[in-house]
N, C-alpha and C. Protein backbone atom coordinates (compact mmCIF):
# COMPACT_ATOMS: atom_id res chain seq x y z
N UNK A 1 0.85 -1.18 0.00
CA UNK A 1 0.00 0.00 0.00
C UNK A 1 0.89 1.23 0.00
N UNK A 2 0.62 2.16 -0.90
CA UNK A 2 1.40 3.39 -0.99
C UNK A 2 0.54 4.55 -0.52
N UNK A 3 1.08 5.34 0.40
CA UNK A 3 0.37 6.53 0.88
C UNK A 3 0.85 7.74 0.10
N UNK A 4 -0.11 8.53 -0.36
CA UNK A 4 0.22 9.75 -1.08
C UNK A 4 0.34 10.90 -0.08
N UNK A 5 1.14 11.88 -0.42
CA UNK A 5 1.22 13.09 0.38
C UNK A 5 -0.08 13.86 0.24
N UNK A 6 -0.44 14.67 1.25
CA UNK A 6 -1.68 15.46 1.14
C UNK A 6 -1.68 16.28 -0.14
N UNK A 7 -2.81 16.27 -0.83
CA UNK A 7 -2.95 17.06 -2.05
C UNK A 7 -2.54 16.31 -3.30
N UNK A 8 -1.87 15.15 -3.17
CA UNK A 8 -1.47 14.38 -4.35
C UNK A 8 -2.63 13.51 -4.82
N UNK A 9 -2.68 13.28 -6.08
CA UNK A 9 -3.68 12.40 -6.65
C UNK A 9 -3.21 10.96 -6.46
N UNK A 10 -4.12 10.06 -6.05
CA UNK A 10 -3.72 8.66 -5.92
C UNK A 10 -3.16 8.12 -7.24
N UNK A 11 -2.42 7.02 -7.14
CA UNK A 11 -1.77 6.42 -8.31
C UNK A 11 -2.78 6.14 -9.42
N UNK A 12 -4.04 5.89 -9.08
CA UNK A 12 -5.05 5.59 -10.09
C UNK A 12 -5.45 6.84 -10.88
N UNK A 13 -5.11 8.02 -10.37
CA UNK A 13 -5.48 9.26 -11.04
C UNK A 13 -6.89 9.72 -10.71
N UNK A 14 -7.62 8.95 -9.92
CA UNK A 14 -8.99 9.30 -9.57
C UNK A 14 -9.01 9.94 -8.18
N UNK A 15 -9.60 11.12 -8.09
CA UNK A 15 -9.71 11.80 -6.79
C UNK A 15 -10.94 11.27 -6.06
N UNK A 16 -10.88 11.25 -4.75
CA UNK A 16 -11.98 10.76 -3.92
C UNK A 16 -12.63 11.94 -3.22
N UNK A 17 -13.95 11.98 -3.21
CA UNK A 17 -14.68 13.05 -2.55
C UNK A 17 -15.08 12.68 -1.14
N UNK A 18 -15.80 13.57 -0.48
CA UNK A 18 -16.32 13.33 0.86
C UNK A 18 -17.80 13.66 0.88
N UNK A 19 -18.51 13.13 1.88
CA UNK A 19 -19.94 13.38 2.02
C UNK A 19 -20.32 13.26 3.48
N UNK A 20 -21.34 14.00 3.90
CA UNK A 20 -21.82 13.85 5.28
C UNK A 20 -22.51 12.50 5.44
N UNK A 21 -22.60 12.00 6.68
CA UNK A 21 -23.34 10.76 6.90
C UNK A 21 -24.83 10.99 6.71
N UNK A 22 -25.49 11.75 7.59
CA UNK A 22 -26.89 12.10 7.31
C UNK A 22 -26.92 13.48 6.66
N UNK A 23 -28.02 13.82 6.01
CA UNK A 23 -28.10 15.14 5.39
C UNK A 23 -28.20 16.29 6.41
N UNK A 24 -28.64 16.00 7.63
CA UNK A 24 -28.78 17.03 8.66
C UNK A 24 -27.43 17.28 9.33
N UNK A 25 -27.22 18.49 9.86
CA UNK A 25 -25.98 18.73 10.61
C UNK A 25 -25.98 17.92 11.89
N UNK A 26 -24.79 17.65 12.46
CA UNK A 26 -24.73 16.87 13.70
C UNK A 26 -25.35 17.64 14.87
N UNK A 27 -25.82 16.90 15.85
CA UNK A 27 -26.34 17.51 17.07
C UNK A 27 -25.15 18.10 17.83
N UNK A 28 -25.22 19.39 18.20
CA UNK A 28 -24.10 20.00 18.90
C UNK A 28 -23.82 19.31 20.24
N UNK A 29 -22.54 19.07 20.50
CA UNK A 29 -22.16 18.48 21.77
C UNK A 29 -20.83 19.02 22.27
N UNK A 30 -20.37 20.09 21.61
CA UNK A 30 -19.14 20.75 22.04
C UNK A 30 -19.26 22.24 21.76
N UNK A 31 -18.55 23.02 22.56
CA UNK A 31 -18.51 24.47 22.38
C UNK A 31 -17.06 24.87 22.14
N UNK A 32 -16.82 25.68 21.12
CA UNK A 32 -15.47 26.12 20.80
C UNK A 32 -15.36 27.62 21.04
N UNK A 33 -14.42 27.98 21.91
CA UNK A 33 -14.24 29.39 22.23
C UNK A 33 -12.77 29.76 22.27
N UNK A 34 -12.53 31.05 22.49
CA UNK A 34 -11.17 31.56 22.64
C UNK A 34 -11.08 32.33 23.94
N UNK A 35 -9.94 32.21 24.59
CA UNK A 35 -9.59 33.04 25.74
C UNK A 35 -8.37 33.83 25.32
N UNK A 36 -8.43 35.16 25.46
CA UNK A 36 -7.42 36.03 24.88
C UNK A 36 -6.61 36.73 25.97
N UNK A 37 -5.32 36.48 25.98
CA UNK A 37 -4.42 37.17 26.90
C UNK A 37 -3.90 38.42 26.21
N UNK A 38 -4.15 39.56 26.82
CA UNK A 38 -3.66 40.85 26.34
C UNK A 38 -2.94 41.49 27.51
N UNK A 39 -1.72 41.93 27.29
CA UNK A 39 -0.98 42.62 28.35
C UNK A 39 -0.63 44.03 27.89
N UNK A 40 -0.43 44.91 28.87
CA UNK A 40 0.00 46.26 28.54
C UNK A 40 1.52 46.35 28.61
N UNK A 41 2.06 47.54 28.43
CA UNK A 41 3.52 47.71 28.40
C UNK A 41 4.18 47.37 29.74
N UNK A 42 3.39 47.33 30.82
CA UNK A 42 3.93 46.97 32.13
C UNK A 42 3.72 45.50 32.47
N UNK A 43 3.19 44.71 31.53
CA UNK A 43 2.97 43.29 31.76
C UNK A 43 1.69 42.98 32.52
N UNK A 44 0.82 43.98 32.70
CA UNK A 44 -0.46 43.74 33.37
C UNK A 44 -1.44 43.09 32.40
N UNK A 45 -2.32 42.28 32.94
CA UNK A 45 -3.27 41.48 32.16
C UNK A 45 -4.63 42.18 32.12
N UNK A 46 -5.23 42.23 30.93
CA UNK A 46 -6.55 42.84 30.78
C UNK A 46 -7.62 41.84 31.22
N UNK A 47 -8.45 42.27 32.17
CA UNK A 47 -9.57 41.46 32.66
C UNK A 47 -10.81 42.34 32.75
N UNK A 48 -11.94 41.74 32.47
CA UNK A 48 -13.21 42.43 32.61
C UNK A 48 -14.01 41.82 33.75
N UNK A 49 -14.86 42.64 34.36
CA UNK A 49 -15.74 42.12 35.41
C UNK A 49 -17.10 41.86 34.76
N UNK A 50 -17.41 40.57 34.63
CA UNK A 50 -18.67 40.15 34.03
C UNK A 50 -19.82 40.50 34.97
N UNK A 51 -21.00 40.67 34.42
CA UNK A 51 -22.17 41.01 35.24
C UNK A 51 -22.47 39.95 36.29
N UNK A 52 -21.98 38.72 36.09
CA UNK A 52 -22.20 37.64 37.06
C UNK A 52 -21.27 37.77 38.27
N UNK A 53 -20.26 38.66 38.18
CA UNK A 53 -19.35 38.85 39.29
C UNK A 53 -17.97 38.24 39.12
N UNK A 54 -17.79 37.39 38.10
CA UNK A 54 -16.47 36.81 37.86
C UNK A 54 -15.66 37.74 36.96
N UNK A 55 -14.35 37.61 37.05
CA UNK A 55 -13.45 38.37 36.20
C UNK A 55 -13.00 37.45 35.07
N UNK A 56 -12.88 38.02 33.89
CA UNK A 56 -12.58 37.16 32.74
C UNK A 56 -11.68 37.86 31.74
N UNK A 57 -10.98 37.03 30.99
CA UNK A 57 -10.22 37.50 29.84
C UNK A 57 -11.21 37.85 28.73
N UNK A 58 -10.81 38.69 27.79
CA UNK A 58 -11.65 38.84 26.60
C UNK A 58 -11.72 37.48 25.90
N UNK A 59 -12.79 37.26 25.20
CA UNK A 59 -12.92 36.00 24.47
C UNK A 59 -14.35 35.76 24.07
N UNK A 60 -14.58 34.60 23.50
CA UNK A 60 -15.92 34.26 23.06
C UNK A 60 -15.87 33.08 22.12
N UNK A 61 -16.93 32.94 21.35
CA UNK A 61 -17.02 31.75 20.51
C UNK A 61 -16.35 31.95 19.15
N UNK A 62 -15.88 30.84 18.63
CA UNK A 62 -15.32 30.83 17.29
C UNK A 62 -16.47 30.53 16.34
N UNK A 63 -16.64 31.39 15.36
CA UNK A 63 -17.68 31.18 14.37
C UNK A 63 -17.04 30.49 13.17
N UNK A 64 -17.59 30.61 12.01
CA UNK A 64 -17.02 29.97 10.82
C UNK A 64 -15.85 30.82 10.33
N UNK A 65 -14.72 30.72 11.04
CA UNK A 65 -13.55 31.56 10.81
C UNK A 65 -12.33 30.89 11.44
N UNK A 66 -11.16 31.40 11.15
CA UNK A 66 -9.97 30.87 11.80
C UNK A 66 -9.96 31.30 13.26
N UNK A 67 -9.20 30.60 14.07
CA UNK A 67 -9.10 30.96 15.48
C UNK A 67 -8.49 32.35 15.62
N UNK A 68 -7.46 32.65 14.84
CA UNK A 68 -6.84 33.99 14.91
C UNK A 68 -7.85 35.08 14.54
N UNK A 69 -8.67 34.82 13.52
CA UNK A 69 -9.69 35.79 13.14
C UNK A 69 -10.72 35.96 14.26
N UNK A 70 -11.08 34.88 14.93
CA UNK A 70 -12.01 34.96 16.06
C UNK A 70 -11.41 35.79 17.19
N UNK A 71 -10.12 35.62 17.46
CA UNK A 71 -9.45 36.40 18.50
C UNK A 71 -9.54 37.88 18.18
N UNK A 72 -9.19 38.25 16.95
CA UNK A 72 -9.21 39.65 16.54
C UNK A 72 -10.64 40.21 16.64
N UNK A 73 -11.62 39.45 16.14
CA UNK A 73 -13.02 39.89 16.16
C UNK A 73 -13.53 40.05 17.59
N UNK A 74 -13.34 39.02 18.42
CA UNK A 74 -13.84 39.08 19.79
C UNK A 74 -13.18 40.20 20.59
N UNK A 75 -11.87 40.38 20.39
CA UNK A 75 -11.17 41.44 21.10
C UNK A 75 -11.78 42.81 20.76
N UNK A 76 -12.02 43.06 19.49
CA UNK A 76 -12.62 44.33 19.07
C UNK A 76 -14.05 44.46 19.57
N UNK A 77 -14.85 43.38 19.45
CA UNK A 77 -16.25 43.45 19.87
C UNK A 77 -16.39 43.70 21.37
N UNK A 78 -15.52 43.10 22.17
CA UNK A 78 -15.66 43.20 23.62
C UNK A 78 -14.94 44.39 24.24
N UNK A 79 -13.78 44.74 23.69
CA UNK A 79 -12.94 45.75 24.35
C UNK A 79 -12.66 46.98 23.50
N UNK A 80 -12.93 46.92 22.20
CA UNK A 80 -12.58 48.00 21.31
C UNK A 80 -11.12 48.00 20.88
N UNK A 81 -10.31 47.08 21.42
CA UNK A 81 -8.90 47.01 21.02
C UNK A 81 -8.80 46.39 19.64
N UNK A 82 -7.85 46.89 18.85
CA UNK A 82 -7.67 46.39 17.50
C UNK A 82 -6.36 45.63 17.38
N UNK A 83 -6.41 44.53 16.67
CA UNK A 83 -5.22 43.70 16.43
C UNK A 83 -5.38 43.08 15.05
N UNK A 84 -4.33 42.44 14.58
CA UNK A 84 -4.38 41.74 13.30
C UNK A 84 -4.02 40.28 13.56
N UNK A 85 -4.52 39.36 12.72
CA UNK A 85 -4.25 37.94 12.95
C UNK A 85 -2.76 37.60 13.05
N UNK A 86 -1.90 38.34 12.38
CA UNK A 86 -0.46 38.07 12.44
C UNK A 86 0.12 38.32 13.82
N UNK A 87 -0.58 39.08 14.66
CA UNK A 87 -0.11 39.36 16.02
C UNK A 87 -0.73 38.43 17.05
N UNK A 88 -1.42 37.39 16.60
CA UNK A 88 -2.07 36.44 17.49
C UNK A 88 -1.23 35.17 17.55
N UNK A 89 -0.92 34.74 18.76
CA UNK A 89 -0.22 33.48 18.98
C UNK A 89 -1.20 32.52 19.64
N UNK A 90 -1.46 31.39 18.99
CA UNK A 90 -2.33 30.36 19.57
C UNK A 90 -1.43 29.48 20.43
N UNK A 91 -1.66 29.49 21.73
CA UNK A 91 -0.79 28.78 22.67
C UNK A 91 -1.16 27.31 22.83
N UNK A 92 -2.45 27.04 22.97
CA UNK A 92 -2.86 25.67 23.27
C UNK A 92 -4.36 25.50 23.05
N UNK A 93 -4.75 24.24 22.96
CA UNK A 93 -6.16 23.87 22.97
C UNK A 93 -6.42 23.23 24.32
N UNK A 94 -7.47 23.68 25.00
CA UNK A 94 -7.83 23.14 26.31
C UNK A 94 -9.19 22.45 26.20
N UNK A 95 -9.31 21.29 26.81
CA UNK A 95 -10.57 20.55 26.83
C UNK A 95 -11.02 20.34 28.26
N UNK A 96 -12.26 20.66 28.53
CA UNK A 96 -12.89 20.30 29.80
C UNK A 96 -14.37 20.13 29.52
N UNK A 97 -15.15 19.93 30.53
CA UNK A 97 -16.58 19.73 30.33
C UNK A 97 -17.38 20.57 31.30
N UNK A 98 -18.54 21.00 30.84
CA UNK A 98 -19.46 21.74 31.70
C UNK A 98 -20.88 21.41 31.27
N UNK A 99 -21.69 20.97 32.22
CA UNK A 99 -23.08 20.65 31.94
C UNK A 99 -23.28 19.61 30.86
N UNK A 100 -22.37 18.63 30.78
CA UNK A 100 -22.50 17.58 29.80
C UNK A 100 -22.03 17.96 28.40
N UNK A 101 -21.47 19.15 28.25
CA UNK A 101 -20.96 19.61 26.96
C UNK A 101 -19.44 19.71 27.04
N UNK A 102 -18.77 19.20 26.03
CA UNK A 102 -17.32 19.34 25.97
C UNK A 102 -17.00 20.78 25.58
N UNK A 103 -16.19 21.42 26.44
CA UNK A 103 -15.79 22.80 26.17
C UNK A 103 -14.36 22.78 25.64
N UNK A 104 -14.18 23.37 24.45
CA UNK A 104 -12.86 23.49 23.84
C UNK A 104 -12.52 24.97 23.85
N UNK A 105 -11.44 25.30 24.54
CA UNK A 105 -11.02 26.69 24.61
C UNK A 105 -9.64 26.82 23.98
N UNK A 106 -9.53 27.71 23.03
CA UNK A 106 -8.24 27.98 22.40
C UNK A 106 -7.59 29.12 23.17
N UNK A 107 -6.47 28.83 23.80
CA UNK A 107 -5.73 29.84 24.55
C UNK A 107 -4.89 30.64 23.57
N UNK A 108 -5.07 31.96 23.58
CA UNK A 108 -4.37 32.81 22.62
C UNK A 108 -3.77 34.02 23.32
N UNK A 109 -2.73 34.54 22.71
CA UNK A 109 -2.10 35.76 23.22
C UNK A 109 -1.97 36.72 22.06
N UNK A 110 -2.34 37.98 22.32
CA UNK A 110 -2.19 39.04 21.33
C UNK A 110 -0.94 39.82 21.71
N UNK A 111 0.01 39.87 20.80
CA UNK A 111 1.29 40.52 21.09
C UNK A 111 1.28 42.02 20.83
N UNK A 112 0.45 42.49 19.92
CA UNK A 112 0.38 43.93 19.61
C UNK A 112 -1.07 44.30 19.38
N UNK A 113 -1.46 45.41 19.96
CA UNK A 113 -2.82 45.92 19.77
C UNK A 113 -2.78 47.44 19.82
N UNK A 114 -3.84 48.05 19.33
CA UNK A 114 -3.96 49.50 19.41
C UNK A 114 -5.29 49.84 20.06
N UNK A 115 -5.34 51.05 20.63
CA UNK A 115 -6.56 51.52 21.26
C UNK A 115 -6.51 51.40 22.77
N UNK A 116 -7.59 51.85 23.37
CA UNK A 116 -7.76 51.76 24.83
C UNK A 116 -9.01 50.93 25.09
N UNK A 117 -8.93 50.00 26.02
CA UNK A 117 -10.11 49.15 26.26
C UNK A 117 -11.28 49.93 26.85
N UNK A 118 -12.47 49.59 26.38
CA UNK A 118 -13.69 50.15 26.95
C UNK A 118 -14.76 49.07 26.92
N UNK A 119 -15.81 49.26 27.67
CA UNK A 119 -16.89 48.27 27.78
C UNK A 119 -17.78 48.37 26.54
N UNK A 120 -17.39 47.69 25.47
CA UNK A 120 -18.14 47.72 24.22
C UNK A 120 -19.44 46.93 24.33
N UNK A 121 -19.51 46.00 25.28
CA UNK A 121 -20.73 45.23 25.54
C UNK A 121 -21.07 45.36 27.03
N UNK A 122 -21.53 46.55 27.45
CA UNK A 122 -21.73 46.80 28.89
C UNK A 122 -22.79 45.92 29.54
N UNK A 123 -23.66 45.32 28.74
CA UNK A 123 -24.64 44.40 29.30
C UNK A 123 -23.98 43.09 29.75
N UNK A 124 -22.75 42.82 29.29
CA UNK A 124 -22.01 41.62 29.69
C UNK A 124 -20.85 41.96 30.62
N UNK A 125 -20.00 42.90 30.21
CA UNK A 125 -18.84 43.31 31.00
C UNK A 125 -18.93 44.81 31.22
N UNK A 126 -19.02 45.22 32.49
CA UNK A 126 -19.20 46.64 32.82
C UNK A 126 -17.94 47.46 32.58
N UNK A 127 -16.78 46.87 32.82
CA UNK A 127 -15.54 47.61 32.59
C UNK A 127 -14.36 46.65 32.46
N UNK A 128 -13.33 47.13 31.77
CA UNK A 128 -12.09 46.38 31.59
C UNK A 128 -11.00 47.12 32.35
N UNK A 129 -10.10 46.36 33.00
CA UNK A 129 -9.00 47.00 33.71
C UNK A 129 -7.78 46.08 33.67
N UNK A 130 -6.62 46.71 33.88
CA UNK A 130 -5.34 46.01 33.84
C UNK A 130 -4.98 45.54 35.25
N UNK A 131 -4.51 44.29 35.35
CA UNK A 131 -4.17 43.70 36.65
C UNK A 131 -2.79 43.08 36.61
N UNK A 132 -2.03 43.31 37.66
CA UNK A 132 -0.73 42.68 37.79
C UNK A 132 -0.92 41.17 37.93
N UNK A 133 -0.08 40.38 37.29
CA UNK A 133 -0.19 38.92 37.46
C UNK A 133 -0.02 38.49 38.92
N UNK A 134 0.61 39.34 39.74
CA UNK A 134 0.81 39.01 41.15
C UNK A 134 -0.38 39.36 42.02
N UNK A 135 -1.38 40.06 41.48
CA UNK A 135 -2.55 40.42 42.28
C UNK A 135 -3.81 40.37 41.41
N UNK A 136 -4.12 39.17 40.96
CA UNK A 136 -5.31 38.98 40.13
C UNK A 136 -6.56 39.03 40.99
N UNK A 137 -7.67 39.53 40.45
CA UNK A 137 -8.91 39.58 41.22
C UNK A 137 -9.52 38.19 41.39
N UNK A 138 -10.36 38.05 42.37
CA UNK A 138 -11.00 36.79 42.72
C UNK A 138 -12.50 37.00 42.68
N UNK A 139 -13.26 36.11 42.06
CA UNK A 139 -12.87 34.90 41.34
C UNK A 139 -12.68 35.18 39.86
N UNK A 140 -11.95 34.25 39.22
CA UNK A 140 -11.78 34.28 37.77
C UNK A 140 -12.74 33.28 37.14
N UNK A 141 -13.21 33.58 35.95
CA UNK A 141 -14.00 32.65 35.14
C UNK A 141 -13.12 31.42 34.88
N UNK A 142 -13.68 30.23 35.01
CA UNK A 142 -12.90 28.99 34.90
C UNK A 142 -12.02 28.95 33.65
N UNK A 143 -12.57 29.14 32.43
CA UNK A 143 -11.68 29.08 31.26
C UNK A 143 -10.58 30.14 31.29
N UNK A 144 -10.85 31.30 31.86
CA UNK A 144 -9.81 32.34 31.96
C UNK A 144 -8.67 31.87 32.86
N UNK A 145 -9.00 31.25 33.98
CA UNK A 145 -7.97 30.70 34.85
C UNK A 145 -7.16 29.62 34.16
N UNK A 146 -7.85 28.76 33.41
CA UNK A 146 -7.15 27.69 32.69
C UNK A 146 -6.22 28.26 31.62
N UNK A 147 -6.68 29.28 30.89
CA UNK A 147 -5.86 29.91 29.85
C UNK A 147 -4.65 30.59 30.48
N UNK A 148 -4.87 31.33 31.55
CA UNK A 148 -3.76 32.04 32.19
C UNK A 148 -2.69 31.09 32.72
N UNK A 149 -3.09 29.96 33.31
CA UNK A 149 -2.08 29.02 33.82
C UNK A 149 -1.45 28.19 32.71
N UNK A 150 -2.08 28.12 31.56
CA UNK A 150 -1.44 27.50 30.40
C UNK A 150 -0.29 28.39 29.94
N UNK A 151 -0.54 29.69 29.93
CA UNK A 151 0.47 30.68 29.53
C UNK A 151 1.56 30.82 30.59
N UNK A 152 1.12 30.94 31.84
CA UNK A 152 2.06 31.14 32.95
C UNK A 152 1.71 30.15 34.07
N UNK A 153 2.31 28.95 34.05
CA UNK A 153 2.00 27.93 35.06
C UNK A 153 2.32 28.38 36.49
N UNK A 154 3.15 29.41 36.64
CA UNK A 154 3.53 29.90 37.97
C UNK A 154 2.45 30.76 38.62
N UNK A 155 1.41 31.14 37.89
CA UNK A 155 0.37 31.99 38.48
C UNK A 155 -0.42 31.21 39.52
N UNK A 156 -0.70 31.83 40.66
CA UNK A 156 -1.41 31.13 41.75
C UNK A 156 -2.92 31.11 41.53
N UNK A 157 -3.36 30.31 40.59
CA UNK A 157 -4.79 30.22 40.25
C UNK A 157 -5.24 28.78 40.43
N UNK A 158 -6.28 28.60 41.23
CA UNK A 158 -6.90 27.29 41.40
C UNK A 158 -8.09 27.19 40.45
N UNK A 159 -8.16 26.10 39.69
CA UNK A 159 -9.26 25.90 38.74
C UNK A 159 -9.43 24.41 38.50
N UNK A 160 -10.61 24.03 38.00
CA UNK A 160 -10.81 22.63 37.63
C UNK A 160 -9.80 22.24 36.54
N UNK A 161 -9.42 20.98 36.51
CA UNK A 161 -8.43 20.56 35.51
C UNK A 161 -8.99 20.62 34.09
N UNK A 162 -8.07 20.75 33.16
CA UNK A 162 -8.41 20.70 31.74
C UNK A 162 -7.29 19.93 31.05
N UNK A 163 -7.63 19.26 29.98
CA UNK A 163 -6.61 18.65 29.14
C UNK A 163 -6.00 19.78 28.31
N UNK A 164 -4.69 19.87 28.31
CA UNK A 164 -4.00 20.96 27.61
C UNK A 164 -3.14 20.37 26.50
N UNK A 165 -3.37 20.88 25.29
CA UNK A 165 -2.61 20.44 24.12
C UNK A 165 -1.86 21.65 23.57
N UNK A 166 -0.57 21.81 23.94
CA UNK A 166 0.19 22.98 23.48
C UNK A 166 0.30 22.99 21.96
N UNK A 167 0.21 24.20 21.39
CA UNK A 167 0.28 24.36 19.95
C UNK A 167 1.40 25.25 19.51
N UNK A 168 1.98 26.01 20.43
CA UNK A 168 3.05 26.94 20.08
C UNK A 168 3.95 27.14 21.29
N UNK A 169 5.11 27.67 21.06
CA UNK A 169 6.02 28.00 22.16
C UNK A 169 5.37 29.10 22.98
N UNK A 170 5.31 28.93 24.29
CA UNK A 170 4.71 29.92 25.17
C UNK A 170 5.67 31.06 25.41
N UNK A 171 5.25 32.26 25.09
CA UNK A 171 6.05 33.46 25.32
C UNK A 171 5.54 34.11 26.59
N UNK A 172 6.43 34.41 27.53
CA UNK A 172 5.97 34.99 28.81
C UNK A 172 6.33 36.45 28.95
N UNK A 173 6.96 37.03 27.97
CA UNK A 173 7.33 38.46 28.08
C UNK A 173 6.29 39.33 27.43
């Protein structure tokens, strides 16, 4: 048996197509989101206070787009900060579960951004502020804690475990 490289036509010259199993889309059983680490020139981390009382990183769901594009979109929608996909580093994929649904969180870091954060969605997050990694507010949203400790394992954050699949070299500066 000979394996072809991706994109090569099999030795027979006939390409093979793909098809869904049923005509309907699958029943959703997983949620895909992004948690975005943004730091200022002093190394402080941007966190918002959600209306529920927890503090969280910017982030949200990935739509029909690349993860980097979702990071850029969510960052702008939630904080007003602007970035480009080339300045997004995808650190890891995290898996955990909540309410019987598998939660997949893509941990990302934005290395360069412009603008000043503001509450672009005040019905969700009343304000955004910069926090020293040595004095993070309590409590943090679970995925935010998981993303932060993926980036910086030395941070003193207690959170439920997640499976972590690193995707890039973690930059801590």
